[in-house]
Amino acid sequence: MHILCIDRTYFKDMILPYCVYVLQSQRDLLLYHGFTTNLEQRIRYHNAGKTISTSKRRPLKLIYCEFFLSKKDAIRRESYFKTTQGKRMLKLIIRKTLLKVNYPR
């Protein structure tokens, strides 16, 4: 969900609790996709080695995230990013970011 609005007062009470995020390993430069309701805490867990799938790939840096009101939408988006087509689309969306972070592909 992308929101473009100059007047932020309209959105001050809006909460989008579900987050799909993309981390980049600073060790091998590869990407990891995930879902959470607390992004800051989740990144701390990843970098503390408390997440098995990324513990050997630390440190990790957040390079992209999307927030959703619906848990089902967020989970569907995370699953899509893990497909071949979703990986391709994500790389198109963040292509300038990938250049800045020296993504190898």
PDB file of N, CA and C in Angstrom:
ATOM      1  N   MET A   1       0.844  -1.170   0.000  1.00  0.00           N
ATOM      2  CA  MET A   1       0.000   0.000   0.000  1.00  0.00           C
ATOM      3  C   MET A   1       0.886   1.227   0.000  1.00  0.00           C
ATOM      4  N   HIS A   2       0.710   2.068  -0.949  1.00  0.00           N
ATOM      5  CA  HIS A   2       1.494   3.291  -1.040  1.00  0.00           C
ATOM      6  C   HIS A   2       0.573   4.483  -0.828  1.00  0.00           C
ATOM      7  N   ILE A   3       0.953   5.373   0.076  1.00  0.00           N
ATOM      8  CA  ILE A   3       0.143   6.533   0.376  1.00  0.00           C
ATOM      9  C   ILE A   3       0.945   7.779   0.055  1.00  0.00           C
ATOM     10  N   LEU A   4       0.411   8.621  -0.803  1.00  0.00           N
ATOM     11  CA  LEU A   4       1.032   9.898  -1.107  1.00  0.00           C
ATOM     12  C   LEU A   4       0.118  10.977  -0.557  1.00  0.00           C
ATOM     13  N   CYS A   5       0.591  11.714   0.419  1.00  0.00           N
ATOM     14  CA  CYS A   5      -0.245  12.731   1.030  1.00  0.00           C
ATOM     15  C   CYS A   5       0.635  13.777   1.691  1.00  0.00           C
ATOM     16  N   ILE A   6       0.391  15.019   1.394  1.00  0.00           N
ATOM     17  CA  ILE A   6       1.157  16.097   2.014  1.00  0.00           C
ATOM     18  C   ILE A   6       0.643  16.355   3.421  1.00  0.00           C
ATOM     19  N   ASP A   7      -0.684  16.291   3.624  1.00  0.00           N
ATOM     20  CA  ASP A   7      -1.281  16.546   4.928  1.00  0.00           C
ATOM     21  C   ASP A   7      -1.315  15.254   5.741  1.00  0.00           C
ATOM     22  N   ARG A   8      -0.344  15.074   6.610  1.00  0.00           N
ATOM     23  CA  ARG A   8      -0.237  13.843   7.398  1.00  0.00           C
ATOM     24  C   ARG A   8      -1.243  13.781   8.540  1.00  0.00           C
ATOM     25  N   THR A   9      -1.914  14.874   8.883  1.00  0.00           N
ATOM     26  CA  THR A   9      -2.872  14.856   9.987  1.00  0.00           C
ATOM     27  C   THR A   9      -4.011  13.881   9.721  1.00  0.00           C
ATOM     28  N   TYR A  10      -4.361  13.691   8.456  1.00  0.00           N
ATOM     29  CA  TYR A  10      -5.419  12.755   8.096  1.00  0.00           C
ATOM     30  C   TYR A  10      -5.060  11.336   8.502  1.00  0.00           C
ATOM     31  N   PHE A  11      -3.786  10.986   8.427  1.00  0.00           N
ATOM     32  CA  PHE A  11      -3.334   9.616   8.673  1.00  0.00           C
ATOM     33  C   PHE A  11      -2.767   9.395  10.068  1.00  0.00           C
ATOM     34  N   LYS A  12      -2.786  10.408  10.940  1.00  0.00           N
ATOM     35  CA  LYS A  12      -2.095  10.289  12.223  1.00  0.00           C
ATOM     36  C   LYS A  12      -2.629   9.152  13.096  1.00  0.00           C
ATOM     37  N   ASP A  13      -3.916   8.822  12.986  1.00  0.00           N
ATOM     38  CA  ASP A  13      -4.477   7.745  13.800  1.00  0.00           C
ATOM     39  C   ASP A  13      -4.538   6.415  13.057  1.00  0.00           C
ATOM     40  N   MET A  14      -4.089   6.390  11.812  1.00  0.00           N
ATOM     41  CA  MET A  14      -4.130   5.164  11.031  1.00  0.00           C
ATOM     42  C   MET A  14      -2.942   4.282  11.407  1.00  0.00           C
ATOM     43  N   ILE A  15      -3.228   3.058  11.738  1.00  0.00           N
ATOM     44  CA  ILE A  15      -2.170   2.124  12.110  1.00  0.00           C
ATOM     45  C   ILE A  15      -2.186   0.964  11.124  1.00  0.00           C
ATOM     46  N   LEU A  16      -1.034   0.681  10.543  1.00  0.00           N
ATOM     47  CA  LEU A  16      -0.882  -0.456   9.641  1.00  0.00           C
ATOM     48  C   LEU A  16       0.047  -1.445  10.344  1.00  0.00           C
ATOM     49  N   PRO A  17      -0.522  -2.405  11.059  1.00  0.00           N
ATOM     50  CA  PRO A  17       0.278  -3.240  11.955  1.00  0.00           C
ATOM     51  C   PRO A  17       1.101  -4.353  11.318  1.00  0.00           C
ATOM     52  N   TYR A  18       0.819  -4.722  10.087  1.00  0.00           N
ATOM     53  CA  TYR A  18       1.498  -5.872   9.493  1.00  0.00           C
ATOM     54  C   TYR A  18       2.522  -5.409   8.476  1.00  0.00           C
ATOM     55  N   CYS A  19       3.716  -5.955   8.597  1.00  0.00           N
ATOM     56  CA  CYS A  19       4.822  -5.498   7.766  1.00  0.00           C
ATOM     57  C   CYS A  19       5.480  -6.668   7.039  1.00  0.00           C
ATOM     58  N   VAL A  20       5.709  -6.473   5.758  1.00  0.00           N
ATOM     59  CA  VAL A  20       6.519  -7.386   4.958  1.00  0.00           C
ATOM     60  C   VAL A  20       7.830  -6.642   4.709  1.00  0.00           C
ATOM     61  N   TYR A  21       8.932  -7.299   4.984  1.00  0.00           N
ATOM     62  CA  TYR A  21      10.220  -6.611   4.911  1.00  0.00           C
ATOM     63  C   TYR A  21      11.236  -7.420   4.122  1.00  0.00           C
ATOM     64  N   VAL A  22      12.250  -6.709   3.646  1.00  0.00           N
ATOM     65  CA  VAL A  22      13.344  -7.348   2.934  1.00  0.00           C
ATOM     66  C   VAL A  22      14.637  -6.888   3.608  1.00  0.00           C
ATOM     67  N   LEU A  23      15.423  -7.858   4.033  1.00  0.00           N
ATOM     68  CA  LEU A  23      16.723  -7.587   4.629  1.00  0.00           C
ATOM     69  C   LEU A  23      17.812  -8.029   3.668  1.00  0.00           C
ATOM     70  N   GLN A  24      18.947  -7.363   3.749  1.00  0.00           N
ATOM     71  CA  GLN A  24      20.103  -7.800   2.969  1.00  0.00           C
ATOM     72  C   GLN A  24      21.207  -8.208   3.932  1.00  0.00           C
ATOM     73  N   SER A  25      21.762  -9.369   3.694  1.00  0.00           N
ATOM     74  CA  SER A  25      22.899  -9.837   4.470  1.00  0.00           C
ATOM     75  C   SER A  25      24.129  -9.025   4.096  1.00  0.00           C
ATOM     76  N   GLN A  26      24.815  -8.492   5.076  1.00  0.00           N
ATOM     77  CA  GLN A  26      26.039  -7.747   4.821  1.00  0.00           C
ATOM     78  C   GLN A  26      27.223  -8.700   4.630  1.00  0.00           C
ATOM     79  N   ARG A  27      27.003  -9.972   4.933  1.00  0.00           N
ATOM     80  CA  ARG A  27      28.045 -10.987   4.757  1.00  0.00           C
ATOM     81  C   ARG A  27      28.096 -11.497   3.317  1.00  0.00           C
ATOM     82  N   ASP A  28      26.931 -11.936   2.782  1.00  0.00           N
ATOM     83  CA  ASP A  28      26.915 -12.499   1.426  1.00  0.00           C
ATOM     84  C   ASP A  28      26.104 -11.650   0.435  1.00  0.00           C
ATOM     85  N   LEU A  29      25.544 -10.541   0.900  1.00  0.00           N
ATOM     86  CA  LEU A  29      24.781  -9.575   0.101  1.00  0.00           C
ATOM     87  C   LEU A  29      23.447 -10.102  -0.425  1.00  0.00           C
ATOM     88  N   LEU A  30      23.034 -11.299  -0.015  1.00  0.00           N
ATOM     89  CA  LEU A  30      21.778 -11.866  -0.481  1.00  0.00           C
ATOM     90  C   LEU A  30      20.597 -11.310   0.314  1.00  0.00           C
ATOM     91  N   LEU A  31      19.387 -11.526  -0.218  1.00  0.00           N
ATOM     92  CA  LEU A  31      18.180 -10.969   0.377  1.00  0.00           C
ATOM     93  C   LEU A  31      17.408 -12.004   1.172  1.00  0.00           C
ATOM     94  N   TYR A  32      16.696 -11.531   2.201  1.00  0.00           N
ATOM     95  CA  TYR A  32      15.821 -12.361   3.014  1.00  0.00           C
ATOM     96  C   TYR A  32      14.486 -11.632   3.132  1.00  0.00           C
ATOM     97  N   HIS A  33      13.365 -12.344   2.934  1.00  0.00           N
ATOM     98  CA  HIS A  33      12.019 -11.759   3.011  1.00  0.00           C
ATOM     99  C   HIS A  33      11.349 -12.250   4.283  1.00  0.00           C
ATOM    100  N   GLY A  34      10.584 -11.388   4.938  1.00  0.00           N
ATOM    101  CA  GLY A  34       9.885 -11.804   6.141  1.00  0.00           C
ATOM    102  C   GLY A  34       8.622 -11.004   6.381  1.00  0.00           C
ATOM    103  N   PHE A  35       7.923 -11.382   7.446  1.00  0.00           N
ATOM    104  CA  PHE A  35       6.650 -10.778   7.839  1.00  0.00           C
ATOM    105  C   PHE A  35       6.680 -10.578   9.341  1.00  0.00           C
ATOM    106  N   THR A  36       6.158  -9.460   9.831  1.00  0.00           N
ATOM    107  CA  THR A  36       6.157  -9.206  11.269  1.00  0.00           C
ATOM    108  C   THR A  36       5.095  -8.174  11.635  1.00  0.00           C
ATOM    109  N   THR A  37       4.830  -8.067  12.929  1.00  0.00           N
ATOM    110  CA  THR A  37       3.983  -6.991  13.452  1.00  0.00           C
ATOM    111  C   THR A  37       4.823  -5.987  14.237  1.00  0.00           C
ATOM    112  N   ASN A  38       6.106  -6.271  14.388  1.00  0.00           N
ATOM    113  CA  ASN A  38       7.000  -5.356  15.094  1.00  0.00           C
ATOM    114  C   ASN A  38       8.350  -5.357  14.371  1.00  0.00           C
ATOM    115  N   LEU A  39       8.499  -4.447  13.440  1.00  0.00           N
ATOM    116  CA  LEU A  39       9.675  -4.441  12.564  1.00  0.00           C
ATOM    117  C   LEU A  39      10.974  -4.217  13.334  1.00  0.00           C
ATOM    118  N   GLU A  40      10.999  -3.247  14.226  1.00  0.00           N
ATOM    119  CA  GLU A  40      12.238  -2.967  14.970  1.00  0.00           C
ATOM    120  C   GLU A  40      12.696  -4.188  15.767  1.00  0.00           C
ATOM    121  N   GLN A  41      11.763  -4.802  16.475  1.00  0.00           N
ATOM    122  CA  GLN A  41      12.102  -5.979  17.279  1.00  0.00           C
ATOM    123  C   GLN A  41      12.565  -7.135  16.387  1.00  0.00           C
ATOM    124  N   ARG A  42      11.897  -7.316  15.266  1.00  0.00           N
ATOM    125  CA  ARG A  42      12.248  -8.418  14.367  1.00  0.00           C
ATOM    126  C   ARG A  42      13.657  -8.255  13.802  1.00  0.00           C
ATOM    127  N   ILE A  43      14.034  -7.040  13.435  1.00  0.00           N
ATOM    128  CA  ILE A  43      15.389  -6.796  12.931  1.00  0.00           C
ATOM    129  C   ILE A  43      16.417  -7.050  14.039  1.00  0.00           C
ATOM    130  N   ARG A  44      16.084  -6.653  15.261  1.00  0.00           N
ATOM    131  CA  ARG A  44      16.997  -6.932  16.399  1.00  0.00           C
ATOM    132  C   ARG A  44      17.180  -8.436  16.579  1.00  0.00           C
ATOM    133  N   TYR A  45      16.089  -9.207  16.481  1.00  0.00           N
ATOM    134  CA  TYR A  45      16.181 -10.671  16.596  1.00  0.00           C
ATOM    135  C   TYR A  45      17.070 -11.251  15.510  1.00  0.00           C
ATOM    136  N   HIS A  46      16.873 -10.796  14.287  1.00  0.00           N
ATOM    137  CA  HIS A  46      17.706 -11.280  13.187  1.00  0.00           C
ATOM    138  C   HIS A  46      19.180 -10.996  13.478  1.00  0.00           C
ATOM    139  N   ASN A  47      19.484  -9.780  13.866  1.00  0.00           N
ATOM    140  CA  ASN A  47      20.884  -9.395  14.079  1.00  0.00           C
ATOM    141  C   ASN A  47      21.485  -9.946  15.362  1.00  0.00           C
ATOM    142  N   ALA A  48      20.641 -10.427  16.269  1.00  0.00           N
ATOM    143  CA  ALA A  48      21.132 -11.079  17.484  1.00  0.00           C
ATOM    144  C   ALA A  48      21.341 -12.579  17.258  1.00  0.00           C
ATOM    145  N   GLY A  49      21.000 -13.071  16.070  1.00  0.00           N
ATOM    146  CA  GLY A  49      21.181 -14.487  15.758  1.00  0.00           C
ATOM    147  C   GLY A  49      20.059 -15.366  16.275  1.00  0.00           C
ATOM    148  N   LYS A  50      18.924 -14.785  16.660  1.00  0.00           N
ATOM    149  CA  LYS A  50      17.798 -15.549  17.212  1.00  0.00           C
ATOM    150  C   LYS A  50      16.873 -16.116  16.139  1.00  0.00           C
ATOM    151  N   THR A  51      17.174 -15.846  14.891  1.00  0.00           N
ATOM    152  CA  THR A  51      16.386 -16.380  13.779  1.00  0.00           C
ATOM    153  C   THR A  51      17.276 -17.369  13.024  1.00  0.00           C
ATOM    154  N   ILE A  52      16.901 -18.631  13.039  1.00  0.00           N
ATOM    155  CA  ILE A  52      17.739 -19.698  12.475  1.00  0.00           C
ATOM    156  C   ILE A  52      18.095 -19.437  11.012  1.00  0.00           C
ATOM    157  N   SER A  53      17.110 -19.003  10.218  1.00  0.00           N
ATOM    158  CA  SER A  53      17.343 -18.852   8.777  1.00  0.00           C
ATOM    159  C   SER A  53      18.357 -17.768   8.431  1.00  0.00           C
ATOM    160  N   THR A  54      18.598 -16.831   9.332  1.00  0.00           N
ATOM    161  CA  THR A  54      19.532 -15.743   9.018  1.00  0.00           C
ATOM    162  C   THR A  54      20.697 -15.634   9.999  1.00  0.00           C
ATOM    163  N   SER A  55      20.774 -16.516  10.962  1.00  0.00           N
ATOM    164  CA  SER A  55      21.795 -16.372  12.009  1.00  0.00           C
ATOM    165  C   SER A  55      23.228 -16.402  11.472  1.00  0.00           C
ATOM    166  N   LYS A  56      23.463 -17.153  10.407  1.00  0.00           N
ATOM    167  CA  LYS A  56      24.819 -17.226   9.836  1.00  0.00           C
ATOM    168  C   LYS A  56      25.063 -16.163   8.766  1.00  0.00           C
ATOM    169  N   ARG A  57      24.056 -15.317   8.527  1.00  0.00           N
ATOM    170  CA  ARG A  57      24.177 -14.314   7.471  1.00  0.00           C
ATOM    171  C   ARG A  57      24.285 -12.894   8.040  1.00  0.00           C
ATOM    172  N   ARG A  58      24.476 -12.790   9.339  1.00  0.00           N
ATOM    173  CA  ARG A  58      24.541 -11.477   9.994  1.00  0.00           C
ATOM    174  C   ARG A  58      25.829 -10.753   9.656  1.00  0.00           C
ATOM    175  N   PRO A  59      25.788  -9.422   9.736  1.00  0.00           N
ATOM    176  CA  PRO A  59      24.656  -8.555  10.073  1.00  0.00           C
ATOM    177  C   PRO A  59      23.722  -8.369   8.880  1.00  0.00           C
ATOM    178  N   LEU A  60      22.493  -7.984   9.205  1.00  0.00           N
ATOM    179  CA  LEU A  60      21.462  -7.766   8.195  1.00  0.00           C
ATOM    180  C   LEU A  60      20.988  -6.322   8.240  1.00  0.00           C
ATOM    181  N   LYS A  61      20.637  -5.804   7.064  1.00  0.00           N
ATOM    182  CA  LYS A  61      20.207  -4.420   6.958  1.00  0.00           C
ATOM    183  C   LYS A  61      18.854  -4.374   6.244  1.00  0.00           C
ATOM    184  N   LEU A  62      17.933  -3.583   6.785  1.00  0.00           N
ATOM    185  CA  LEU A  62      16.632  -3.401   6.160  1.00  0.00           C
ATOM    186  C   LEU A  62      16.797  -2.579   4.886  1.00  0.00           C
ATOM    187  N   ILE A  63      16.287  -3.102   3.766  1.00  0.00           N
ATOM    188  CA  ILE A  63      16.373  -2.329   2.522  1.00  0.00           C
ATOM    189  C   ILE A  63      14.996  -2.031   1.921  1.00  0.00           C
ATOM    190  N   TYR A  64      13.941  -2.685   2.425  1.00  0.00           N
ATOM    191  CA  TYR A  64      12.605  -2.439   1.877  1.00  0.00           C
ATOM    192  C   TYR A  64      11.554  -2.966   2.843  1.00  0.00           C
ATOM    193  N   CYS A  65      10.413  -2.262   2.936  1.00  0.00           N
ATOM    194  CA  CYS A  65       9.286  -2.781   3.709  1.00  0.00           C
ATOM    195  C   CYS A  65       7.983  -2.207   3.178  1.00  0.00           C
ATOM    196  N   GLU A  66       6.918  -2.938   3.406  1.00  0.00           N
ATOM    197  CA  GLU A  66       5.564  -2.521   3.064  1.00  0.00           C
ATOM    198  C   GLU A  66       4.683  -2.821   4.268  1.00  0.00           C
ATOM    199  N   PHE A  67       3.743  -1.926   4.556  1.00  0.00           N
ATOM    200  CA  PHE A  67       2.840  -2.113   5.681  1.00  0.00           C
ATOM    201  C   PHE A  67       1.424  -2.351   5.188  1.00  0.00           C
ATOM    202  N   PHE A  68       0.677  -3.178   5.947  1.00  0.00           N
ATOM    203  CA  PHE A  68      -0.677  -3.571   5.569  1.00  0.00           C
ATOM    204  C   PHE A  68      -1.610  -3.509   6.766  1.00  0.00           C
ATOM    205  N   LEU A  69      -2.871  -3.259   6.487  1.00  0.00           N
ATOM    206  CA  LEU A  69      -3.908  -3.291   7.507  1.00  0.00           C
ATOM    207  C   LEU A  69      -4.365  -4.729   7.746  1.00  0.00           C
ATOM    208  N   SER A  70      -4.336  -5.535   6.704  1.00  0.00           N
ATOM    209  CA  SER A  70      -4.808  -6.917   6.758  1.00  0.00           C
ATOM    210  C   SER A  70      -3.636  -7.902   6.881  1.00  0.00           C
ATOM    211  N   LYS A  71      -3.742  -8.796   7.840  1.00  0.00           N
ATOM    212  CA  LYS A  71      -2.715  -9.834   8.018  1.00  0.00           C
ATOM    213  C   LYS A  71      -2.662 -10.750   6.790  1.00  0.00           C
ATOM    214  N   LYS A  72      -3.833 -11.103   6.261  1.00  0.00           N
ATOM    215  CA  LYS A  72      -3.877 -11.982   5.085  1.00  0.00           C
ATOM    216  C   LYS A  72      -3.183 -11.344   3.888  1.00  0.00           C
ATOM    217  N   ASP A  73      -3.379 -10.040   3.692  1.00  0.00           N
ATOM    218  CA  ASP A  73      -2.717  -9.346   2.585  1.00  0.00           C
ATOM    219  C   ASP A  73      -1.204  -9.364   2.758  1.00  0.00           C
ATOM    220  N   ALA A  74      -0.746  -9.133   3.985  1.00  0.00           N
ATOM    221  CA  ALA A  74       0.696  -9.121   4.252  1.00  0.00           C
ATOM    222  C   ALA A  74       1.315 -10.500   4.019  1.00  0.00           C
ATOM    223  N   ILE A  75       0.643 -11.530   4.487  1.00  0.00           N
ATOM    224  CA  ILE A  75       1.159 -12.891   4.305  1.00  0.00           C
ATOM    225  C   ILE A  75       1.168 -13.263   2.826  1.00  0.00           C
ATOM    226  N   ARG A  76       0.124 -12.855   2.102  1.00  0.00           N
ATOM    227  CA  ARG A  76       0.066 -13.120   0.660  1.00  0.00           C
ATOM    228  C   ARG A  76       1.213 -12.413  -0.052  1.00  0.00           C
ATOM    229  N   ARG A  77       1.509 -11.171   0.356  1.00  0.00           N
ATOM    230  CA  ARG A  77       2.594 -10.412  -0.275  1.00  0.00           C
ATOM    231  C   ARG A  77       3.942 -11.062   0.009  1.00  0.00           C
ATOM    232  N   GLU A  78       4.157 -11.479   1.261  1.00  0.00           N
ATOM    233  CA  GLU A  78       5.414 -12.153   1.598  1.00  0.00           C
ATOM    234  C   GLU A  78       5.579 -13.424   0.767  1.00  0.00           C
ATOM    235  N   SER A  79       4.527 -14.199   0.653  1.00  0.00           N
ATOM    236  CA  SER A  79       4.579 -15.432  -0.139  1.00  0.00           C
ATOM    237  C   SER A  79       4.878 -15.126  -1.599  1.00  0.00           C
ATOM    238  N   TYR A  80       4.287 -14.057  -2.114  1.00  0.00           N
ATOM    239  CA  TYR A  80       4.535 -13.669  -3.505  1.00  0.00           C
ATOM    240  C   TYR A  80       6.001 -13.305  -3.716  1.00  0.00           C
ATOM    241  N   PHE A  81       6.583 -12.563  -2.781  1.00  0.00           N
ATOM    242  CA  PHE A  81       7.997 -12.177  -2.907  1.00  0.00           C
ATOM    243  C   PHE A  81       8.921 -13.388  -2.934  1.00  0.00           C
ATOM    244  N   LYS A  82       8.460 -14.511  -2.450  1.00  0.00           N
ATOM    245  CA  LYS A  82       9.285 -15.720  -2.428  1.00  0.00           C
ATOM    246  C   LYS A  82       9.137 -16.556  -3.698  1.00  0.00           C
ATOM    247  N   THR A  83       8.247 -16.138  -4.610  1.00  0.00           N
ATOM    248  CA  THR A  83       8.112 -16.834  -5.894  1.00  0.00           C
ATOM    249  C   THR A  83       9.095 -16.227  -6.896  1.00  0.00           C
ATOM    250  N   THR A  84       9.332 -16.938  -7.974  1.00  0.00           N
ATOM    251  CA  THR A  84      10.231 -16.432  -9.016  1.00  0.00           C
ATOM    252  C   THR A  84       9.717 -15.112  -9.578  1.00  0.00           C
ATOM    253  N   GLN A  85       8.434 -15.054  -9.892  1.00  0.00           N
ATOM    254  CA  GLN A  85       7.850 -13.830 -10.432  1.00  0.00           C
ATOM    255  C   GLN A  85       7.908 -12.690  -9.410  1.00  0.00           C
ATOM    256  N   GLY A  86       7.638 -13.003  -8.139  1.00  0.00           N
ATOM    257  CA  GLY A  86       7.680 -11.998  -7.083  1.00  0.00           C
ATOM    258  C   GLY A  86       9.083 -11.454  -6.857  1.00  0.00           C
ATOM    259  N   LYS A  87      10.079 -12.322  -6.927  1.00  0.00           N
ATOM    260  CA  LYS A  87      11.468 -11.878  -6.790  1.00  0.00           C
ATOM    261  C   LYS A  87      11.844 -10.933  -7.920  1.00  0.00           C
ATOM    262  N   ARG A  88      11.395 -11.276  -9.128  1.00  0.00           N
ATOM    263  CA  ARG A  88      11.659 -10.412 -10.288  1.00  0.00           C
ATOM    264  C   ARG A  88      11.017  -9.041 -10.116  1.00  0.00           C
ATOM    265  N   MET A  89       9.749  -9.039  -9.692  1.00  0.00           N
ATOM    266  CA  MET A  89       9.037  -7.781  -9.517  1.00  0.00           C
ATOM    267  C   MET A  89       9.669  -6.934  -8.405  1.00  0.00           C
ATOM    268  N   LEU A  90      10.028  -7.563  -7.295  1.00  0.00           N
ATOM    269  CA  LEU A  90      10.667  -6.841  -6.203  1.00  0.00           C
ATOM    270  C   LEU A  90      11.964  -6.192  -6.671  1.00  0.00           C
ATOM    271  N   LYS A  91      12.742  -6.929  -7.429  1.00  0.00           N
ATOM    272  CA  LYS A  91      14.005  -6.378  -7.942  1.00  0.00           C
ATOM    273  C   LYS A  91      13.769  -5.198  -8.883  1.00  0.00           C
ATOM    274  N   LEU A  92      12.652  -5.209  -9.604  1.00  0.00           N
ATOM    275  CA  LEU A  92      12.313  -4.054 -10.453  1.00  0.00           C
ATOM    276  C   LEU A  92      11.907  -2.856  -9.596  1.00  0.00           C
ATOM    277  N   ILE A  93      11.125  -3.106  -8.564  1.00  0.00           N
ATOM    278  CA  ILE A  93      10.665  -2.026  -7.690  1.00  0.00           C
ATOM    279  C   ILE A  93      11.835  -1.343  -6.991  1.00  0.00           C
ATOM    280  N   ILE A  94      12.791  -2.138  -6.511  1.00  0.00           N
ATOM    281  CA  ILE A  94      13.888  -1.561  -5.721  1.00  0.00           C
ATOM    282  C   ILE A  94      15.221  -1.585  -6.479  1.00  0.00           C
ATOM    283  N   ARG A  95      15.163  -1.496  -7.795  1.00  0.00           N
ATOM    284  CA  ARG A  95      16.388  -1.623  -8.595  1.00  0.00           C
ATOM    285  C   ARG A  95      17.449  -0.583  -8.250  1.00  0.00           C
ATOM    286  N   LYS A  96      17.061   0.652  -7.958  1.00  0.00           N
ATOM    287  CA  LYS A  96      18.049   1.680  -7.593  1.00  0.00           C
ATOM    288  C   LYS A  96      18.650   1.378  -6.228  1.00  0.00           C
ATOM    289  N   THR A  97      17.832   0.904  -5.318  1.00  0.00           N
ATOM    290  CA  THR A  97      18.323   0.504  -3.993  1.00  0.00           C
ATOM    291  C   THR A  97      19.325  -0.627  -4.122  1.00  0.00           C
ATOM    292  N   LEU A  98      19.017  -1.612  -4.962  1.00  0.00           N
ATOM    293  CA  LEU A  98      19.923  -2.744  -5.137  1.00  0.00           C
ATOM    294  C   LEU A  98      21.269  -2.300  -5.694  1.00  0.00           C
ATOM    295  N   LEU A  99      21.277  -1.298  -6.539  1.00  0.00           N
ATOM    296  CA  LEU A  99      22.548  -0.757  -7.039  1.00  0.00           C
ATOM    297  C   LEU A  99      23.335  -0.111  -5.889  1.00  0.00           C
ATOM    298  N   LYS A 100      22.623   0.634  -5.029  1.00  0.00           N
ATOM    299  CA  LYS A 100      23.281   1.326  -3.911  1.00  0.00           C
ATOM    300  C   LYS A 100      23.863   0.360  -2.880  1.00  0.00           C
ATOM    301  N   VAL A 101      23.224  -0.793  -2.711  1.00  0.00           N
ATOM    302  CA  VAL A 101      23.676  -1.745  -1.689  1.00  0.00           C
ATOM    303  C   VAL A 101      24.538  -2.852  -2.276  1.00  0.00           C
ATOM    304  N   ASN A 102      24.968  -2.673  -3.530  1.00  0.00           N
ATOM    305  CA  ASN A 102      25.883  -3.624  -4.199  1.00  0.00           C
ATOM    306  C   ASN A 102      25.328  -5.034  -4.294  1.00  0.00           C
ATOM    307  N   TYR A 103      24.037  -5.135  -4.576  1.00  0.00           N
ATOM    308  CA  TYR A 103      23.447  -6.461  -4.747  1.00  0.00           C
ATOM    309  C   TYR A 103      24.121  -7.158  -5.920  1.00  0.00           C
ATOM    310  N   PRO A 104      24.537  -8.412  -5.751  1.00  0.00           N
ATOM    311  CA  PRO A 104      25.388  -9.086  -6.751  1.00  0.00           C
ATOM    312  C   PRO A 104      24.727  -9.499  -8.054  1.00  0.00           C
ATOM    313  N   ARG A 105      23.416  -9.431  -8.194  1.00  0.00           N
ATOM    314  CA  ARG A 105      22.800  -9.945  -9.416  1.00  0.00           C
ATOM    315  C   ARG A 105      22.190  -8.855 -10.239  1.00  0.00           C
TER     316      ARG A 105
END
